[in-house]
Protein backbone atom coordinates (compact mmCIF):
# COMPACT_ATOMS: atom_id res chain seq x y z
CA MET A 1 9.72 38.57 -61.98
CA ARG A 2 10.10 34.99 -63.13
CA ASN A 3 7.14 32.70 -62.51
CA GLU A 4 8.32 29.54 -60.73
CA ILE A 5 4.80 28.12 -60.33
CA LYS A 6 4.49 25.20 -62.74
CA PRO A 7 1.77 22.56 -63.17
CA GLN A 8 2.60 18.87 -63.15
CA PRO A 9 4.05 17.49 -66.41
CA GLY A 10 1.35 16.68 -68.95
CA ILE A 11 -1.27 19.10 -67.64
CA LEU A 12 -0.56 21.72 -70.29
CA ASP A 13 -0.85 19.02 -72.96
CA ILE A 14 -4.54 18.68 -72.15
CA ALA A 15 -6.85 20.34 -74.66
CA LEU A 16 -9.84 21.93 -72.96
CA TYR A 17 -12.98 19.79 -73.21
CA GLU A 18 -15.74 21.55 -75.11
CA GLY A 19 -19.31 20.46 -74.47
CA GLY A 20 -22.07 20.63 -77.03
CA LYS A 21 -23.23 24.14 -77.91
CA ALA A 22 -26.49 25.32 -76.38
CA HIS A 23 -26.93 28.73 -78.04
CA VAL A 24 -26.66 30.30 -81.49
CA ALA A 25 -26.06 34.03 -81.71
CA GLY A 26 -29.09 35.82 -83.09
CA VAL A 27 -31.30 32.72 -83.06
CA ALA A 28 -34.04 32.26 -80.48
CA ASN A 29 -35.85 29.05 -79.54
CA VAL A 30 -33.08 26.69 -80.64
CA VAL A 31 -33.42 22.91 -80.62
CA LYS A 32 -30.38 21.50 -78.81
CA LEU A 33 -29.28 18.16 -80.26
CA SER A 34 -25.60 18.41 -79.38
CA SER A 35 -25.18 16.72 -75.99
CA ASN A 36 -27.07 13.39 -76.19
CA GLU A 37 -29.64 14.52 -73.64
CA ASN A 38 -33.02 12.88 -73.14
CA PRO A 39 -35.50 15.19 -74.94
CA PHE A 40 -38.22 14.20 -72.47
CA GLY A 41 -36.16 15.10 -69.39
CA PRO A 42 -36.29 13.11 -66.14
CA SER A 43 -39.28 11.14 -64.94
CA GLU A 44 -41.95 12.82 -62.83
CA LYS A 45 -40.91 10.62 -59.91
CA ALA A 46 -37.32 11.90 -60.14
CA LYS A 47 -38.50 15.51 -60.31
CA GLU A 48 -40.73 15.01 -57.27
CA ALA A 49 -37.84 13.52 -55.30
CA PHE A 50 -35.61 16.44 -56.26
CA ALA A 51 -38.27 18.92 -55.14
CA ARG A 52 -38.66 17.17 -51.77
CA SER A 53 -34.92 17.37 -51.13
CA VAL A 54 -35.17 21.15 -50.64
CA ARG A 55 -36.39 20.46 -47.10
CA SER A 56 -33.00 19.12 -46.04
CA LEU A 57 -30.60 21.48 -47.80
CA HIS A 58 -29.14 22.53 -44.45
CA ARG A 59 -28.03 18.96 -43.70
CA TYR A 60 -24.93 17.22 -44.99
CA PRO A 61 -25.68 14.29 -47.29
CA VAL A 62 -24.91 10.73 -46.27
CA THR A 63 -21.42 9.58 -47.13
CA ASP A 64 -22.07 5.92 -47.97
CA HIS A 65 -24.80 6.42 -50.62
CA ALA A 66 -26.41 3.28 -49.19
CA ASP A 67 -29.98 3.89 -50.39
CA LEU A 68 -28.95 4.72 -53.95
CA ARG A 69 -26.56 1.79 -54.13
CA ALA A 70 -29.29 -0.51 -52.83
CA ALA A 71 -31.73 0.76 -55.46
CA ILE A 72 -29.21 0.29 -58.28
CA ALA A 73 -28.41 -3.20 -56.99
CA GLU A 74 -32.06 -4.16 -56.77
CA VAL A 75 -32.95 -2.95 -60.26
CA HIS A 76 -29.89 -4.42 -61.99
CA GLY A 77 -29.37 -7.54 -59.88
CA LEU A 78 -25.98 -6.48 -58.52
CA ASP A 79 -24.08 -6.57 -55.24
CA ALA A 80 -24.62 -3.19 -53.55
CA GLY A 81 -21.31 -3.57 -51.72
CA ARG A 82 -19.43 -3.40 -55.03
CA ILE A 83 -21.11 -0.22 -56.31
CA ILE A 84 -19.52 3.22 -56.07
CA CYS A 85 -21.31 6.48 -56.88
CA GLY A 86 -19.81 9.64 -58.30
CA ALA A 87 -20.47 13.02 -59.86
CA GLY A 88 -21.22 11.54 -63.27
CA SER A 89 -19.36 8.54 -64.62
CA ASP A 90 -16.60 11.06 -65.40
CA GLU A 91 -15.67 11.06 -61.72
CA ILE A 92 -15.43 7.26 -61.65
CA ILE A 93 -13.09 7.44 -64.65
CA THR A 94 -11.02 10.03 -62.77
CA PHE A 95 -10.88 7.81 -59.65
CA LEU A 96 -9.64 4.86 -61.74
CA CYS A 97 -6.84 6.91 -63.29
CA GLN A 98 -5.87 8.44 -59.94
CA ALA A 99 -5.75 5.06 -58.23
CA TYR A 100 -4.19 2.87 -60.90
CA ALA A 101 -2.18 4.99 -63.36
CA GLY A 102 0.66 7.44 -63.12
CA PRO A 103 4.01 8.41 -64.67
CA ARG A 104 5.54 5.62 -66.79
CA ASP A 105 2.14 3.90 -67.02
CA GLU A 106 -0.02 3.66 -70.13
CA VAL A 107 -3.79 4.01 -70.58
CA VAL A 108 -5.29 2.47 -73.71
CA PHE A 109 -8.44 3.59 -75.53
CA THR A 110 -9.73 3.75 -79.11
CA GLU A 111 -9.24 6.63 -81.53
CA HIS A 112 -12.87 7.76 -81.50
CA GLY A 113 -13.38 7.12 -77.79
CA PHE A 114 -14.68 9.52 -75.12
CA LEU A 115 -12.31 12.48 -74.74
CA MET A 116 -12.18 12.17 -70.93
CA TYR A 117 -10.06 9.01 -71.21
CA ARG A 118 -7.17 11.06 -72.60
CA ILE A 119 -7.76 14.00 -70.26
CA SER A 120 -7.88 11.86 -67.11
CA SER A 121 -4.77 9.95 -68.19
CA LEU A 122 -2.72 13.07 -68.77
CA ALA A 123 -3.94 14.58 -65.51
CA VAL A 124 -2.17 11.83 -63.53
CA GLY A 125 0.96 11.85 -65.68
CA ALA A 126 0.19 8.62 -67.52
CA THR A 127 0.76 8.11 -71.24
CA PRO A 128 -2.43 7.89 -73.34
CA VAL A 129 -2.26 5.21 -76.04
CA GLU A 130 -4.77 5.65 -78.86
CA VAL A 131 -5.73 2.58 -80.91
CA ARG A 132 -7.12 2.63 -84.42
CA GLU A 133 -10.71 1.48 -84.93
CA ARG A 134 -12.02 -0.53 -87.85
CA GLU A 135 -14.83 1.25 -89.69
CA ARG A 136 -15.53 3.37 -86.60
CA THR A 137 -15.87 0.25 -84.45
CA ALA A 138 -13.52 -0.96 -81.70
CA ASP A 139 -11.01 -3.55 -82.92
CA VAL A 140 -10.21 -6.02 -80.12
CA ASP A 141 -7.12 -7.38 -81.85
CA ALA A 142 -5.71 -3.87 -82.27
CA ILE A 143 -6.41 -3.02 -78.63
CA LEU A 144 -4.67 -6.16 -77.40
CA ALA A 145 -1.71 -5.50 -79.70
CA ALA A 146 -1.35 -2.03 -78.14
CA CYS A 147 -1.17 -3.38 -74.59
CA THR A 148 2.25 -3.72 -72.94
CA ARG A 149 3.73 -4.31 -69.50
CA LYS A 150 3.09 -0.59 -68.88
CA THR A 151 -0.64 -0.81 -69.55
CA LYS A 152 -2.69 -0.19 -66.41
CA LEU A 153 -6.13 0.71 -67.78
CA VAL A 154 -8.02 -0.11 -70.98
CA PHE A 155 -11.13 1.98 -71.62
CA ILE A 156 -13.84 1.00 -74.07
CA ALA A 157 -17.29 2.55 -74.40
CA ASN A 158 -19.91 0.08 -75.55
CA PRO A 159 -21.97 1.53 -77.25
CA ASN A 160 -19.35 4.08 -78.19
CA ASN A 161 -19.64 7.85 -78.26
CA PRO A 162 -19.63 9.52 -80.80
CA THR A 163 -19.96 6.65 -83.27
CA GLY A 164 -22.88 4.76 -81.70
CA THR A 165 -21.27 1.45 -82.69
CA MET A 166 -21.05 -1.56 -80.40
CA ILE A 167 -19.11 -4.82 -80.21
CA SER A 168 -20.49 -8.16 -79.04
CA ALA A 169 -20.36 -9.68 -75.57
CA ALA A 170 -18.05 -12.38 -76.97
CA GLU A 171 -15.58 -9.74 -78.16
CA ILE A 172 -15.70 -7.93 -74.83
CA THR A 173 -15.00 -11.23 -73.06
CA ARG A 174 -12.07 -11.90 -75.40
CA LEU A 175 -10.72 -8.46 -74.57
CA ALA A 176 -11.04 -9.06 -70.82
CA GLU A 177 -9.22 -12.39 -71.15
CA GLY A 178 -6.45 -10.90 -73.28
CA VAL A 179 -5.42 -7.74 -71.43
CA PRO A 180 -2.19 -7.94 -69.41
CA PRO A 181 -2.51 -9.26 -65.82
CA GLN A 182 -1.75 -5.86 -64.28
CA ALA A 183 -4.41 -4.03 -66.34
CA ILE A 184 -8.05 -3.21 -65.61
CA LEU A 185 -10.60 -3.29 -68.42
CA VAL A 186 -13.12 -0.46 -67.95
CA LEU A 187 -16.45 -0.86 -69.74
CA ASP A 188 -18.03 2.56 -70.15
CA GLY A 189 -21.77 1.92 -70.27
CA ALA A 190 -23.08 5.48 -70.48
CA TYR A 191 -25.45 4.39 -73.25
CA ALA A 192 -26.09 0.82 -72.10
CA GLU A 193 -29.73 1.50 -71.18
CA PHE A 194 -30.56 2.25 -74.81
CA VAL A 195 -29.79 -1.37 -75.74
CA GLU A 196 -32.66 -3.74 -74.96
CA GLY A 197 -31.53 -6.59 -72.67
CA TYR A 198 -27.90 -5.39 -72.37
CA ASP A 199 -26.36 -5.50 -68.88
CA GLY A 200 -23.49 -3.14 -69.70
CA GLY A 201 -20.98 -5.87 -68.90
CA ALA A 202 -22.21 -6.59 -65.35
CA ALA A 203 -22.05 -10.37 -65.79
CA LEU A 204 -18.44 -10.09 -66.93
CA VAL A 205 -17.61 -7.97 -63.88
CA ASP A 206 -19.06 -10.70 -61.67
CA ALA A 207 -17.07 -13.38 -63.46
CA ARG A 208 -13.67 -11.71 -63.34
CA GLN A 209 -11.34 -9.69 -61.11
CA ASN A 210 -10.05 -7.28 -63.77
CA VAL A 211 -13.22 -5.63 -65.15
CA VAL A 212 -15.03 -2.49 -63.99
CA MET A 213 -18.28 -1.11 -65.44
CA THR A 214 -19.25 2.58 -65.35
CA ARG A 215 -22.77 3.94 -65.84
CA THR A 216 -24.50 7.33 -65.73
CA PHE A 217 -27.81 8.99 -64.95
CA SER A 218 -27.11 11.73 -67.51
CA LYS A 219 -28.49 10.01 -70.60
CA ILE A 220 -31.66 7.91 -70.57
CA TYR A 221 -32.57 9.09 -67.05
CA GLY A 222 -32.45 12.75 -68.14
CA LEU A 223 -30.42 13.93 -65.12
CA GLY A 224 -27.39 15.40 -66.88
CA GLY A 225 -27.78 18.66 -64.97
CA LEU A 226 -27.37 16.87 -61.63
CA ARG A 227 -24.17 14.94 -62.50
CA ILE A 228 -24.68 11.43 -61.10
CA GLY A 229 -22.88 8.27 -62.13
CA TRP A 230 -21.84 4.94 -60.70
CA GLY A 231 -19.41 2.11 -61.13
CA TYR A 232 -19.48 -1.62 -60.44
CA GLY A 233 -16.43 -3.76 -59.99
CA PRO A 234 -14.54 -6.33 -57.95
CA LYS A 235 -14.53 -5.58 -54.24
CA HIS A 236 -10.77 -5.03 -54.15
CA ILE A 237 -11.02 -2.28 -56.79
CA ILE A 238 -14.12 -0.57 -55.37
CA ASP A 239 -12.45 -0.52 -51.95
CA VAL A 240 -9.48 1.33 -53.46
CA LEU A 241 -11.68 3.85 -55.27
CA ASN A 242 -13.65 4.62 -52.12
CA ARG A 243 -10.41 5.56 -50.38
CA ILE A 244 -9.95 8.52 -52.73
CA ARG A 245 -13.61 9.42 -53.15
CA GLY A 246 -14.60 12.59 -51.32
CA PRO A 247 -17.01 11.76 -48.46
CA PHE A 248 -19.63 14.24 -49.68
CA ASN A 249 -19.16 13.94 -53.43
CA LEU A 250 -22.93 13.64 -54.02
CA SER A 251 -25.59 15.93 -52.59
CA THR A 252 -28.86 14.81 -51.03
CA ALA A 253 -30.72 16.15 -54.06
CA GLN A 254 -28.56 14.05 -56.39
CA LEU A 255 -28.96 10.91 -54.32
CA GLU A 256 -32.72 11.14 -53.92
CA ALA A 257 -33.45 12.09 -57.54
CA ALA A 258 -31.25 9.27 -58.82
CA GLU A 259 -32.87 6.69 -56.56
CA ALA A 260 -36.32 7.66 -57.80
CA ALA A 261 -35.11 7.64 -61.41
CA VAL A 262 -33.54 4.19 -61.33
CA ARG A 263 -36.66 2.68 -59.77
CA ASP A 264 -38.96 4.15 -62.44
CA ARG A 265 -38.51 1.31 -64.94
CA ASP A 266 -41.66 2.11 -66.91
CA TYR A 267 -40.26 5.53 -67.77
CA VAL A 268 -36.91 4.10 -68.85
CA ASN A 269 -38.61 1.53 -71.07
CA LYS A 270 -40.77 4.24 -72.65
CA CYS A 271 -37.73 6.44 -73.39
CA ARG A 272 -35.80 3.50 -74.85
CA ALA A 273 -38.64 2.55 -77.18
CA GLU A 274 -39.22 6.10 -78.39
CA ASN A 275 -35.49 6.65 -78.93
CA ALA A 276 -35.24 3.46 -81.01
CA ARG A 277 -38.25 4.46 -83.11
CA MET A 278 -37.00 7.94 -83.97
CA ARG A 279 -33.37 6.84 -84.31
CA GLY A 280 -34.36 4.39 -87.02
CA TRP A 281 -36.56 6.94 -88.72
CA LEU A 282 -33.94 9.71 -88.74
CA ALA A 283 -31.13 7.41 -89.89
CA GLY A 284 -33.31 6.23 -92.76
CA ALA A 285 -34.42 9.74 -93.73
CA LEU A 286 -30.83 11.02 -93.84
CA ALA A 287 -29.61 7.97 -95.76
CA GLU A 288 -32.17 8.74 -98.47
CA LEU A 289 -30.57 12.20 -98.71
CA GLY A 290 -27.10 10.70 -99.22
CA VAL A 291 -26.01 11.13 -95.59
CA PRO A 292 -25.21 7.65 -94.23
CA SER A 293 -24.56 6.59 -90.66
CA ASP A 294 -23.45 3.40 -88.95
CA THR A 295 -26.06 1.41 -87.06
CA SER A 296 -26.29 3.27 -83.77
CA MET A 297 -27.16 1.56 -80.49
CA ALA A 298 -27.24 4.84 -78.52
CA ASN A 299 -29.37 7.99 -78.49
CA PHE A 300 -27.63 9.69 -81.39
CA ILE A 301 -26.45 9.02 -84.90
CA LEU A 302 -23.14 9.95 -86.50
CA ALA A 303 -24.03 11.49 -89.85
CA ARG A 304 -21.24 11.15 -92.42
CA PHE A 305 -20.69 13.68 -95.19
CA ALA A 306 -18.47 13.60 -98.26
CA SER A 307 -15.93 16.00 -96.73
CA GLN A 308 -15.13 18.15 -93.73
CA GLU A 309 -16.24 21.19 -95.70
CA GLU A 310 -19.67 19.74 -96.42
CA ALA A 311 -20.12 18.66 -92.78
CA GLU A 312 -19.23 22.10 -91.49
CA ASN A 313 -21.40 23.86 -94.07
CA CYS A 314 -24.33 21.66 -93.14
CA ASP A 315 -23.80 22.37 -89.46
CA THR A 316 -23.75 26.11 -90.16
CA PHE A 317 -26.97 25.79 -92.18
CA LEU A 318 -28.65 23.84 -89.39
CA GLN A 319 -27.64 26.45 -86.83
CA LYS A 320 -29.32 29.15 -88.91
CA GLN A 321 -32.47 27.02 -88.71
CA GLY A 322 -32.11 26.91 -84.92
CA LEU A 323 -30.87 23.30 -84.88
CA ILE A 324 -27.72 22.66 -82.83
CA VAL A 325 -25.83 19.43 -83.53
CA ARG A 326 -22.25 18.49 -82.65
CA ARG A 327 -19.16 18.75 -84.82
CA VAL A 328 -16.78 15.93 -83.93
CA GLY A 329 -13.45 16.98 -85.38
CA GLY A 330 -12.03 16.62 -81.86
CA TYR A 331 -12.85 12.93 -82.11
CA LYS A 332 -10.93 12.71 -85.41
CA LEU A 333 -14.15 12.62 -87.42
CA PRO A 334 -14.10 16.02 -89.14
CA HIS A 335 -16.40 14.89 -91.96
CA CYS A 336 -19.17 13.94 -89.53
CA VAL A 337 -21.70 15.56 -87.23
CA ARG A 338 -23.30 13.84 -84.27
CA ILE A 339 -27.04 14.33 -83.98
CA THR A 340 -28.85 13.57 -80.74
CA ILE A 341 -32.19 11.82 -81.18
CA GLY A 342 -34.76 14.37 -80.06
CA ASP A 343 -38.52 14.08 -79.99
CA GLU A 344 -40.39 13.39 -83.21
CA ALA A 345 -40.83 17.05 -84.11
CA SER A 346 -37.12 17.75 -83.68
CA CYS A 347 -36.08 14.74 -85.77
CA ARG A 348 -38.40 15.80 -88.56
CA GLN A 349 -37.01 19.33 -88.42
CA VAL A 350 -33.48 17.98 -88.82
CA ALA A 351 -34.39 15.80 -91.79
CA HIS A 352 -36.22 18.69 -93.48
CA ALA A 353 -33.30 21.08 -92.92
CA VAL A 354 -30.71 18.61 -94.27
CA ALA A 355 -32.92 18.11 -97.33
CA GLN A 356 -32.96 21.87 -97.84
CA PHE A 357 -29.17 21.99 -97.45
CA LYS A 358 -28.82 19.20 -100.02
CA GLY A 359 -31.20 20.96 -102.38
CA VAL A 360 -33.71 18.08 -102.26
CA LYS A 361 -37.37 19.07 -102.59
């Protein structure tokens, strides 16, 4: 019997997204440094809020996310009416593609950008347009050259994953001014909190009608397991996105834990400072072993090896030591591994293991 059930065009072109490994066969007590998670977990205040939410599990959550939006607005100095919340910033990216891109449209992003840009584009039938980077850093001129009358969305993560590199506010502004009039510039700020004094592009959103910022609670807030994100943009765009957002896309537990997390500024500052300290230490230690990395502004470093073979052999060696990092061949960086910044003990374990792999005593 012939199967007449077919998915929409482009769906079968999507490669399955593979998250960072969490287990190694035959190895107990692994150290997971593959998913850019906060090694200290969420704040005590966020955990307490999550625990309290068990009392209302029989009730539907609110649909307007008003308390969480108000908390985000208060902490970041934003307009609560132009904030939208989602199941991770991934869902906001999905909403943008659903609402503004489709067949015959193009979605632009850089070659080492977050894999969900391509996946979400193909899911709505749009054409993904990949732009070369310059030394693993976004090239504004190349992005603008790739834009056409078909361009509807331009995604750029700043800092970028998996490279950790970042471009200046002046370059982001130049990009916003140069994209075609029908296009939206999306600033993915998943790692913005790791940069001291950086607003993720919020001021640019306030100044223009064609820029949207996305953020997440999965990284510095340590709430990756709850899947909470948010976006900030012009009212006309947020109004559109809310029309396709499911009314109960976030649970009460998500909303209350996230509100407590965003208000706990002391914890965020502590995590940022400790990440910066160990990031600098680990980058320096690996550089001394002949494993360089670009200056990272996020909570990971991209360790570069002489070849794909050496990178993969090192990863295999680390796994045998119970250390899980991330191969990034899917990001067109086969000679690299991405290493999340863990606590001090984990970072020292990584440096020691790489030294052993390199044969350095």
